[in-house]
Amino acid sequence: MRKGWSSRDRLLFDPGTLKTKIDQPHAINYVYPSQEGSYVAVGTSAGGSEKSLLWILDTTTGHIV
């Protein structure tokens, strides 16, 4: 993500760092930002599954809400 056109890119969420009981790679299925941009919903799934986990991220801190 970045703030505005001229700012630098910042990694907000990396699905490769998810720690789970299964040892499978995760993929991002969807990303949906809030209207004001302070939060973003990210859906991830493991190992090609169509079951998504929903993550809500605070874009200011990068923390999972």
N, C-alpha and C. Protein backbone atom coordinates (compact mmCIF):
# COMPACT_ATOMS: atom_id res chain seq x y z
N MET A 1 0.84 -1.17 0.00
CA MET A 1 0.00 0.00 0.00
C MET A 1 0.87 1.22 0.00
N ARG A 2 0.26 2.35 -0.28
CA ARG A 2 0.97 3.61 -0.17
C ARG A 2 -0.02 4.74 0.05
N LYS A 3 0.45 5.80 0.65
CA LYS A 3 -0.38 6.98 0.87
C LYS A 3 -0.12 7.96 -0.25
N GLY A 4 -1.03 8.04 -1.18
CA GLY A 4 -0.90 8.98 -2.28
C GLY A 4 0.00 8.48 -3.39
N TRP A 5 0.03 9.22 -4.46
CA TRP A 5 0.77 8.82 -5.65
C TRP A 5 2.27 8.90 -5.48
N SER A 6 2.73 9.87 -4.70
CA SER A 6 4.18 10.11 -4.62
C SER A 6 4.87 9.41 -3.45
N SER A 7 4.13 8.72 -2.60
CA SER A 7 4.76 8.05 -1.46
C SER A 7 5.33 6.70 -1.85
N ARG A 8 6.13 6.12 -0.96
CA ARG A 8 6.76 4.82 -1.22
C ARG A 8 5.80 3.69 -0.88
N ASP A 9 5.96 2.57 -1.56
CA ASP A 9 5.16 1.37 -1.27
C ASP A 9 5.55 0.80 0.09
N ARG A 10 4.54 0.23 0.80
CA ARG A 10 4.77 -0.41 2.08
C ARG A 10 3.98 -1.71 2.10
N LEU A 11 4.65 -2.81 2.45
CA LEU A 11 3.98 -4.10 2.52
C LEU A 11 3.04 -4.10 3.72
N LEU A 12 1.77 -4.35 3.47
CA LEU A 12 0.78 -4.34 4.54
C LEU A 12 0.47 -5.75 5.02
N PHE A 13 0.47 -6.72 4.12
CA PHE A 13 0.09 -8.08 4.48
C PHE A 13 0.80 -9.06 3.57
N ASP A 14 1.45 -10.06 4.16
CA ASP A 14 2.15 -11.09 3.39
C ASP A 14 1.56 -12.45 3.76
N PRO A 15 0.82 -13.09 2.85
CA PRO A 15 0.20 -14.38 3.18
C PRO A 15 1.22 -15.48 3.45
N GLY A 16 2.45 -15.29 3.01
CA GLY A 16 3.49 -16.28 3.24
C GLY A 16 3.92 -16.39 4.70
N THR A 17 3.57 -15.41 5.51
CA THR A 17 3.97 -15.44 6.92
C THR A 17 2.89 -16.02 7.83
N LEU A 18 1.78 -16.44 7.27
CA LEU A 18 0.71 -16.99 8.11
C LEU A 18 1.16 -18.29 8.75
N LYS A 19 0.94 -18.42 10.03
CA LYS A 19 1.30 -19.64 10.76
C LYS A 19 0.02 -20.43 10.99
N THR A 20 0.00 -21.65 10.49
CA THR A 20 -1.18 -22.50 10.65
C THR A 20 -0.75 -23.90 11.04
N LYS A 21 -1.69 -24.73 11.36
CA LYS A 21 -1.42 -26.12 11.70
C LYS A 21 -1.08 -26.95 10.47
N ILE A 22 -1.52 -26.49 9.31
CA ILE A 22 -1.19 -27.21 8.07
C ILE A 22 -0.04 -26.48 7.39
N ASP A 23 0.85 -27.22 6.83
CA ASP A 23 2.03 -26.64 6.20
C ASP A 23 1.79 -26.48 4.71
N GLN A 24 0.93 -25.50 4.37
CA GLN A 24 0.59 -25.25 2.98
C GLN A 24 0.68 -23.75 2.70
N PRO A 25 1.03 -23.40 1.48
CA PRO A 25 1.09 -21.97 1.14
C PRO A 25 -0.30 -21.36 1.13
N HIS A 26 -0.36 -20.07 1.44
CA HIS A 26 -1.62 -19.32 1.43
C HIS A 26 -1.63 -18.36 0.25
N ALA A 27 -2.82 -18.09 -0.25
CA ALA A 27 -3.01 -17.15 -1.35
C ALA A 27 -4.06 -16.12 -0.95
N ILE A 28 -3.92 -14.92 -1.47
CA ILE A 28 -4.92 -13.88 -1.23
C ILE A 28 -6.03 -14.06 -2.26
N ASN A 29 -7.27 -14.20 -1.77
CA ASN A 29 -8.42 -14.36 -2.66
C ASN A 29 -9.06 -13.04 -3.04
N TYR A 30 -9.10 -12.13 -2.09
CA TYR A 30 -9.71 -10.83 -2.35
C TYR A 30 -9.18 -9.78 -1.40
N VAL A 31 -9.30 -8.53 -1.81
CA VAL A 31 -8.91 -7.38 -1.00
C VAL A 31 -10.02 -6.35 -1.16
N TYR A 32 -10.52 -5.83 -0.03
CA TYR A 32 -11.59 -4.85 -0.08
C TYR A 32 -11.28 -3.73 0.91
N PRO A 33 -10.86 -2.54 0.43
CA PRO A 33 -10.55 -1.44 1.34
C PRO A 33 -11.82 -0.75 1.83
N SER A 34 -11.73 -0.16 3.03
CA SER A 34 -12.85 0.65 3.54
C SER A 34 -12.91 1.93 2.73
N GLN A 35 -14.02 2.61 2.80
CA GLN A 35 -14.22 3.81 1.99
C GLN A 35 -13.20 4.89 2.29
N GLU A 36 -12.86 5.07 3.56
CA GLU A 36 -11.89 6.10 3.94
C GLU A 36 -10.45 5.61 3.89
N GLY A 37 -10.25 4.30 3.69
CA GLY A 37 -8.92 3.75 3.53
C GLY A 37 -8.20 3.39 4.81
N SER A 38 -8.87 3.48 5.96
CA SER A 38 -8.18 3.18 7.22
C SER A 38 -8.16 1.69 7.55
N TYR A 39 -8.99 0.91 6.88
CA TYR A 39 -9.02 -0.54 7.09
C TYR A 39 -9.09 -1.23 5.73
N VAL A 40 -8.65 -2.48 5.71
CA VAL A 40 -8.78 -3.28 4.50
C VAL A 40 -9.11 -4.72 4.91
N ALA A 41 -10.07 -5.30 4.21
CA ALA A 41 -10.43 -6.70 4.43
C ALA A 41 -9.66 -7.53 3.41
N VAL A 42 -9.03 -8.60 3.91
CA VAL A 42 -8.25 -9.48 3.05
C VAL A 42 -8.72 -10.91 3.28
N GLY A 43 -9.03 -11.62 2.21
CA GLY A 43 -9.41 -13.02 2.31
C GLY A 43 -8.27 -13.89 1.84
N THR A 44 -7.93 -14.90 2.64
CA THR A 44 -6.86 -15.83 2.26
C THR A 44 -7.36 -17.26 2.31
N SER A 45 -6.72 -18.11 1.53
CA SER A 45 -7.04 -19.54 1.57
C SER A 45 -5.73 -20.33 1.51
N ALA A 46 -5.78 -21.54 2.06
CA ALA A 46 -4.58 -22.37 2.14
C ALA A 46 -4.64 -23.51 1.13
N GLY A 47 -3.52 -23.78 0.50
CA GLY A 47 -3.37 -24.95 -0.35
C GLY A 47 -4.38 -25.11 -1.46
N GLY A 48 -4.84 -24.03 -2.06
CA GLY A 48 -5.78 -24.12 -3.16
C GLY A 48 -7.23 -24.28 -2.75
N SER A 49 -7.49 -24.25 -1.47
CA SER A 49 -8.86 -24.37 -0.96
C SER A 49 -9.67 -23.15 -1.37
N GLU A 50 -10.98 -23.32 -1.44
CA GLU A 50 -11.85 -22.19 -1.72
C GLU A 50 -12.45 -21.61 -0.43
N LYS A 51 -12.09 -22.20 0.71
CA LYS A 51 -12.53 -21.67 2.01
C LYS A 51 -11.60 -20.53 2.40
N SER A 52 -12.16 -19.36 2.55
CA SER A 52 -11.36 -18.18 2.87
C SER A 52 -11.41 -17.84 4.35
N LEU A 53 -10.28 -17.33 4.84
CA LEU A 53 -10.22 -16.72 6.16
C LEU A 53 -10.25 -15.22 5.95
N LEU A 54 -11.03 -14.51 6.74
CA LEU A 54 -11.15 -13.07 6.61
C LEU A 54 -10.26 -12.39 7.63
N TRP A 55 -9.43 -11.46 7.16
CA TRP A 55 -8.56 -10.67 8.01
C TRP A 55 -8.94 -9.20 7.82
N ILE A 56 -9.07 -8.47 8.92
CA ILE A 56 -9.30 -7.03 8.85
C ILE A 56 -8.02 -6.36 9.34
N LEU A 57 -7.43 -5.52 8.50
CA LEU A 57 -6.16 -4.88 8.83
C LEU A 57 -6.34 -3.38 9.00
N ASP A 58 -5.65 -2.84 9.99
CA ASP A 58 -5.57 -1.39 10.18
C ASP A 58 -4.44 -0.90 9.28
N THR A 59 -4.73 -0.04 8.32
CA THR A 59 -3.72 0.37 7.35
C THR A 59 -2.68 1.30 7.94
N THR A 60 -2.99 1.95 9.05
CA THR A 60 -2.03 2.85 9.70
C THR A 60 -0.94 2.05 10.40
N THR A 61 -1.34 1.04 11.17
CA THR A 61 -0.38 0.25 11.96
C THR A 61 0.03 -1.05 11.30
N GLY A 62 -0.81 -1.57 10.41
CA GLY A 62 -0.55 -2.87 9.79
C GLY A 62 -0.99 -4.03 10.65
N HIS A 63 -1.58 -3.76 11.81
CA HIS A 63 -2.01 -4.81 12.71
C HIS A 63 -3.35 -5.41 12.30
N ILE A 64 -3.52 -6.68 12.61
CA ILE A 64 -4.80 -7.35 12.37
C ILE A 64 -5.77 -6.94 13.46
N VAL A 65 -6.93 -6.48 13.03
CA VAL A 65 -7.97 -6.06 13.98
C VAL A 65 -8.74 -7.27 14.39
